[in-house]
Amino acid sequence: MVLARVVQPLVGVPHRFEWAELGQVERHLAELVP
């Protein structure tokens, strides 16, 4: 997962979003980038 590298710094922070939401964002980015 590409976003994993971006999210790693946030691992120490209380989860304000669920991984399901992150999956939706990743899918959205996948649509933007061919």
Protein backbone atom coordinates (compact mmCIF):
# COMPACT_ATOMS: atom_id res chain seq x y z
CA MET A 1 0.00 0.00 0.00
CA VAL A 2 1.54 3.27 -1.14
CA LEU A 3 -0.21 5.38 1.51
CA ALA A 4 1.34 3.19 4.20
CA ARG A 5 4.52 5.25 3.92
CA VAL A 6 2.55 8.46 4.38
CA VAL A 7 0.47 7.14 7.27
CA GLN A 8 3.38 5.64 9.23
CA PRO A 9 4.18 8.97 10.97
CA LEU A 10 0.54 9.07 12.13
CA VAL A 11 0.65 5.62 13.72
CA GLY A 12 1.57 7.15 17.08
CA VAL A 13 -1.44 9.46 16.89
CA PRO A 14 -4.83 8.22 18.14
CA HIS A 15 -6.76 6.82 15.19
CA ARG A 16 -9.20 9.52 14.15
CA PHE A 17 -10.01 7.62 10.97
CA GLU A 18 -10.56 3.95 10.34
CA TRP A 19 -8.51 1.88 7.90
CA ALA A 20 -11.70 1.44 5.88
CA GLU A 21 -11.71 5.18 5.22
CA LEU A 22 -8.05 5.02 4.21
CA GLY A 23 -8.96 2.25 1.77
CA GLN A 24 -11.57 4.52 0.21
CA VAL A 25 -9.01 7.30 -0.17
CA GLU A 26 -6.52 4.91 -1.72
CA ARG A 27 -9.18 3.74 -4.19
CA HIS A 28 -9.96 7.35 -5.04
CA LEU A 29 -6.28 8.09 -5.71
CA ALA A 30 -6.07 4.94 -7.83
CA GLU A 31 -8.81 6.41 -10.03
CA LEU A 32 -6.97 9.71 -10.35
CA VAL A 33 -3.66 8.08 -11.25
CA PRO A 34 -3.87 5.74 -14.27
